[in-house]
PDB file of N, CA and C in Angstrom:
ATOM      1  N   UNK A   1      29.105  12.721 -76.020  1.00  0.00           N
ATOM      2  CA  UNK A   1      28.428  13.715 -75.212  1.00  0.00           C
ATOM      3  C   UNK A   1      29.189  13.887 -73.891  1.00  0.00           C
ATOM      4  N   UNK A   2      29.328  15.154 -73.483  1.00  0.00           N
ATOM      5  CA  UNK A   2      30.090  15.443 -72.276  1.00  0.00           C
ATOM      6  C   UNK A   2      29.135  15.770 -71.136  1.00  0.00           C
ATOM      7  N   UNK A   3      29.397  15.155 -69.968  1.00  0.00           N
ATOM      8  CA  UNK A   3      28.587  15.403 -68.779  1.00  0.00           C
ATOM      9  C   UNK A   3      29.412  16.204 -67.777  1.00  0.00           C
ATOM     10  N   UNK A   4      28.778  17.239 -67.197  1.00  0.00           N
ATOM     11  CA  UNK A   4      29.465  18.084 -66.235  1.00  0.00           C
ATOM     12  C   UNK A   4      29.075  17.658 -64.823  1.00  0.00           C
ATOM     13  N   UNK A   5      30.089  17.305 -64.052  1.00  0.00           N
ATOM     14  CA  UNK A   5      29.834  16.900 -62.669  1.00  0.00           C
ATOM     15  C   UNK A   5      30.075  18.038 -61.694  1.00  0.00           C
ATOM     16  N   UNK A   6      30.870  19.013 -62.083  1.00  0.00           N
ATOM     17  CA  UNK A   6      31.227  20.090 -61.179  1.00  0.00           C
ATOM     18  C   UNK A   6      30.116  21.144 -61.172  1.00  0.00           C
ATOM     19  N   UNK A   7      29.411  21.264 -60.053  1.00  0.00           N
ATOM     20  CA  UNK A   7      28.315  22.229 -59.974  1.00  0.00           C
ATOM     21  C   UNK A   7      28.817  23.660 -59.852  1.00  0.00           C
ATOM     22  N   UNK A   8      30.106  23.846 -59.515  1.00  0.00           N
ATOM     23  CA  UNK A   8      30.641  25.205 -59.437  1.00  0.00           C
ATOM     24  C   UNK A   8      30.617  25.895 -60.795  1.00  0.00           C
ATOM     25  N   UNK A   9      30.561  25.125 -61.859  1.00  0.00           N
ATOM     26  CA  UNK A   9      30.470  25.724 -63.186  1.00  0.00           C
ATOM     27  C   UNK A   9      29.135  26.428 -63.394  1.00  0.00           C
ATOM     28  N   UNK A  10      28.132  26.033 -62.631  1.00  0.00           N
ATOM     29  CA  UNK A  10      26.779  26.540 -62.852  1.00  0.00           C
ATOM     30  C   UNK A  10      26.277  27.437 -61.732  1.00  0.00           C
ATOM     31  N   UNK A  11      26.957  27.461 -60.596  1.00  0.00           N
ATOM     32  CA  UNK A  11      26.477  28.260 -59.478  1.00  0.00           C
ATOM     33  C   UNK A  11      27.355  29.492 -59.297  1.00  0.00           C
ATOM     34  N   UNK A  12      26.758  30.537 -58.796  1.00  0.00           N
ATOM     35  CA  UNK A  12      27.470  31.778 -58.524  1.00  0.00           C
ATOM     36  C   UNK A  12      28.070  31.683 -57.131  1.00  0.00           C
ATOM     37  N   UNK A  13      29.382  31.604 -57.040  1.00  0.00           N
ATOM     38  CA  UNK A  13      30.047  31.438 -55.750  1.00  0.00           C
ATOM     39  C   UNK A  13      30.627  32.747 -55.219  1.00  0.00           C
ATOM     40  N   UNK A  14      30.348  33.840 -55.898  1.00  0.00           N
ATOM     41  CA  UNK A  14      30.836  35.131 -55.420  1.00  0.00           C
ATOM     42  C   UNK A  14      30.076  35.528 -54.158  1.00  0.00           C
ATOM     43  N   UNK A  15      30.775  36.163 -53.186  1.00  0.00           N
ATOM     44  CA  UNK A  15      30.063  36.633 -51.995  1.00  0.00           C
ATOM     45  C   UNK A  15      29.160  37.810 -52.340  1.00  0.00           C
ATOM     46  N   UNK A  16      28.087  37.942 -51.600  1.00  0.00           N
ATOM     47  CA  UNK A  16      27.144  39.021 -51.873  1.00  0.00           C
ATOM     48  C   UNK A  16      27.740  40.360 -51.452  1.00  0.00           C
ATOM     49  N   UNK A  17      27.135  41.442 -51.912  1.00  0.00           N
ATOM     50  CA  UNK A  17      27.598  42.785 -51.566  1.00  0.00           C
ATOM     51  C   UNK A  17      27.472  43.016 -50.060  1.00  0.00           C
ATOM     52  N   UNK A  18      26.395  42.490 -49.460  1.00  0.00           N
ATOM     53  CA  UNK A  18      26.204  42.649 -48.026  1.00  0.00           C
ATOM     54  C   UNK A  18      27.305  41.942 -47.244  1.00  0.00           C
ATOM     55  N   UNK A  19      27.718  40.760 -47.695  1.00  0.00           N
ATOM     56  CA  UNK A  19      28.781  40.029 -47.017  1.00  0.00           C
ATOM     57  C   UNK A  19      30.109  40.767 -47.140  1.00  0.00           C
ATOM     58  N   UNK A  20      30.395  41.348 -48.304  1.00  0.00           N
ATOM     59  CA  UNK A  20      31.620  42.124 -48.476  1.00  0.00           C
ATOM     60  C   UNK A  20      31.617  43.337 -47.541  1.00  0.00           C
ATOM     61  N   UNK A  21      30.473  44.027 -47.458  1.00  0.00           N
ATOM     62  CA  UNK A  21      30.360  45.187 -46.582  1.00  0.00           C
ATOM     63  C   UNK A  21      30.551  44.770 -45.123  1.00  0.00           C
ATOM     64  N   UNK A  22      29.955  43.649 -44.748  1.00  0.00           N
ATOM     65  CA  UNK A  22      30.067  43.158 -43.371  1.00  0.00           C
ATOM     66  C   UNK A  22      31.505  42.801 -43.033  1.00  0.00           C
ATOM     67  N   UNK A  23      32.209  42.176 -43.966  1.00  0.00           N
ATOM     68  CA  UNK A  23      33.604  41.813 -43.716  1.00  0.00           C
ATOM     69  C   UNK A  23      34.478  43.042 -43.546  1.00  0.00           C
ATOM     70  N   UNK A  24      34.146  44.124 -44.223  1.00  0.00           N
ATOM     71  CA  UNK A  24      34.945  45.345 -44.104  1.00  0.00           C
ATOM     72  C   UNK A  24      34.628  46.105 -42.828  1.00  0.00           C
ATOM     73  N   UNK A  25      33.364  46.123 -42.398  1.00  0.00           N
ATOM     74  CA  UNK A  25      32.948  47.004 -41.312  1.00  0.00           C
ATOM     75  C   UNK A  25      33.026  46.337 -39.934  1.00  0.00           C
ATOM     76  N   UNK A  26      32.981  44.999 -39.871  1.00  0.00           N
ATOM     77  CA  UNK A  26      32.933  44.321 -38.580  1.00  0.00           C
ATOM     78  C   UNK A  26      34.172  44.555 -37.701  1.00  0.00           C
ATOM     79  N   UNK A  27      35.397  44.536 -38.218  1.00  0.00           N
ATOM     80  CA  UNK A  27      36.534  44.798 -37.329  1.00  0.00           C
ATOM     81  C   UNK A  27      36.464  46.168 -36.653  1.00  0.00           C
ATOM     82  N   UNK A  28      36.031  47.177 -37.380  1.00  0.00           N
ATOM     83  CA  UNK A  28      35.933  48.501 -36.771  1.00  0.00           C
ATOM     84  C   UNK A  28      34.798  48.553 -35.751  1.00  0.00           C
ATOM     85  N   UNK A  29      33.699  47.865 -36.014  1.00  0.00           N
ATOM     86  CA  UNK A  29      32.592  47.828 -35.055  1.00  0.00           C
ATOM     87  C   UNK A  29      33.039  47.133 -33.771  1.00  0.00           C
ATOM     88  N   UNK A  30      33.756  46.044 -33.901  1.00  0.00           N
ATOM     89  CA  UNK A  30      34.239  45.321 -32.725  1.00  0.00           C
ATOM     90  C   UNK A  30      35.222  46.187 -31.937  1.00  0.00           C
ATOM     91  N   UNK A  31      36.116  46.863 -32.634  1.00  0.00           N
ATOM     92  CA  UNK A  31      37.092  47.725 -31.964  1.00  0.00           C
ATOM     93  C   UNK A  31      36.400  48.865 -31.227  1.00  0.00           C
ATOM     94  N   UNK A  32      35.464  49.539 -31.888  1.00  0.00           N
ATOM     95  CA  UNK A  32      34.781  50.667 -31.254  1.00  0.00           C
ATOM     96  C   UNK A  32      33.939  50.222 -30.062  1.00  0.00           C
ATOM     97  N   UNK A  33      33.292  49.081 -30.164  1.00  0.00           N
ATOM     98  CA  UNK A  33      32.497  48.601 -29.030  1.00  0.00           C
ATOM     99  C   UNK A  33      33.396  48.199 -27.863  1.00  0.00           C
ATOM    100  N   UNK A  34      34.566  47.633 -28.139  1.00  0.00           N
ATOM    101  CA  UNK A  34      35.499  47.290 -27.069  1.00  0.00           C
ATOM    102  C   UNK A  34      36.023  48.553 -26.387  1.00  0.00           C
ATOM    103  N   UNK A  35      36.327  49.582 -27.173  1.00  0.00           N
ATOM    104  CA  UNK A  35      36.794  50.838 -26.580  1.00  0.00           C
ATOM    105  C   UNK A  35      35.707  51.479 -25.723  1.00  0.00           C
ATOM    106  N   UNK A  36      34.461  51.477 -26.212  1.00  0.00           N
ATOM    107  CA  UNK A  36      33.358  52.055 -25.449  1.00  0.00           C
ATOM    108  C   UNK A  36      33.141  51.285 -24.150  1.00  0.00           C
ATOM    109  N   UNK A  37      33.225  49.971 -24.205  1.00  0.00           N
ATOM    110  CA  UNK A  37      33.062  49.154 -23.001  1.00  0.00           C
ATOM    111  C   UNK A  37      34.180  49.448 -21.999  1.00  0.00           C
ATOM    112  N   UNK A  38      35.385  49.627 -22.503  1.00  0.00           N
ATOM    113  CA  UNK A  38      36.511  49.946 -21.619  1.00  0.00           C
ATOM    114  C   UNK A  38      36.303  51.300 -20.955  1.00  0.00           C
ATOM    115  N   UNK A  39      35.872  52.302 -21.722  1.00  0.00           N
ATOM    116  CA  UNK A  39      35.648  53.616 -21.135  1.00  0.00           C
ATOM    117  C   UNK A  39      34.502  53.592 -20.128  1.00  0.00           C
ATOM    118  N   UNK A  40      33.478  52.799 -20.402  1.00  0.00           N
ATOM    119  CA  UNK A  40      32.380  52.669 -19.443  1.00  0.00           C
ATOM    120  C   UNK A  40      32.858  52.018 -18.150  1.00  0.00           C
ATOM    121  N   UNK A  41      33.683  51.007 -18.251  1.00  0.00           N
ATOM    122  CA  UNK A  41      34.194  50.335 -17.065  1.00  0.00           C
ATOM    123  C   UNK A  41      35.101  51.268 -16.262  1.00  0.00           C
ATOM    124  N   UNK A  42      35.959  52.017 -16.941  1.00  0.00           N
ATOM    125  CA  UNK A  42      36.841  52.956 -16.251  1.00  0.00           C
ATOM    126  C   UNK A  42      36.035  54.052 -15.596  1.00  0.00           C
ATOM    127  N   UNK A  43      35.020  54.542 -16.288  1.00  0.00           N
ATOM    128  CA  UNK A  43      34.169  55.583 -15.705  1.00  0.00           C
ATOM    129  C   UNK A  43      33.419  55.081 -14.500  1.00  0.00           C
ATOM    130  N   UNK A  44      32.943  53.860 -14.540  1.00  0.00           N
ATOM    131  CA  UNK A  44      32.230  53.295 -13.386  1.00  0.00           C
ATOM    132  C   UNK A  44      33.182  53.106 -12.200  1.00  0.00           C
ATOM    133  N   UNK A  45      34.420  52.728 -12.483  1.00  0.00           N
ATOM    134  CA  UNK A  45      35.382  52.557 -11.399  1.00  0.00           C
ATOM    135  C   UNK A  45      35.798  53.903 -10.780  1.00  0.00           C
ATOM    136  N   UNK A  46      35.829  54.955 -11.598  1.00  0.00           N
ATOM    137  CA  UNK A  46      36.179  56.262 -11.056  1.00  0.00           C
ATOM    138  C   UNK A  46      35.083  56.807 -10.138  1.00  0.00           C
ATOM    139  N   UNK A  47      33.847  56.452 -10.430  1.00  0.00           N
ATOM    140  CA  UNK A  47      32.734  56.922  -9.622  1.00  0.00           C
ATOM    141  C   UNK A  47      32.793  56.301  -8.224  1.00  0.00           C
ATOM    142  N   UNK A  48      33.289  55.085  -8.148  1.00  0.00           N
ATOM    143  CA  UNK A  48      33.352  54.401  -6.844  1.00  0.00           C
ATOM    144  C   UNK A  48      34.262  55.055  -5.864  1.00  0.00           C
TER     145      UNK A  48
END
């Protein structure tokens, strides 16, 4: 009789659809928020 010790044979280790979507969209969200923050800072400095 064979005993399986590796639980990866029985568990689903694929990332979820939400995690895949998050990995794709997060770099663009970070970039756009950094650009918006920069424009806000420049605009505030111009007002001074």
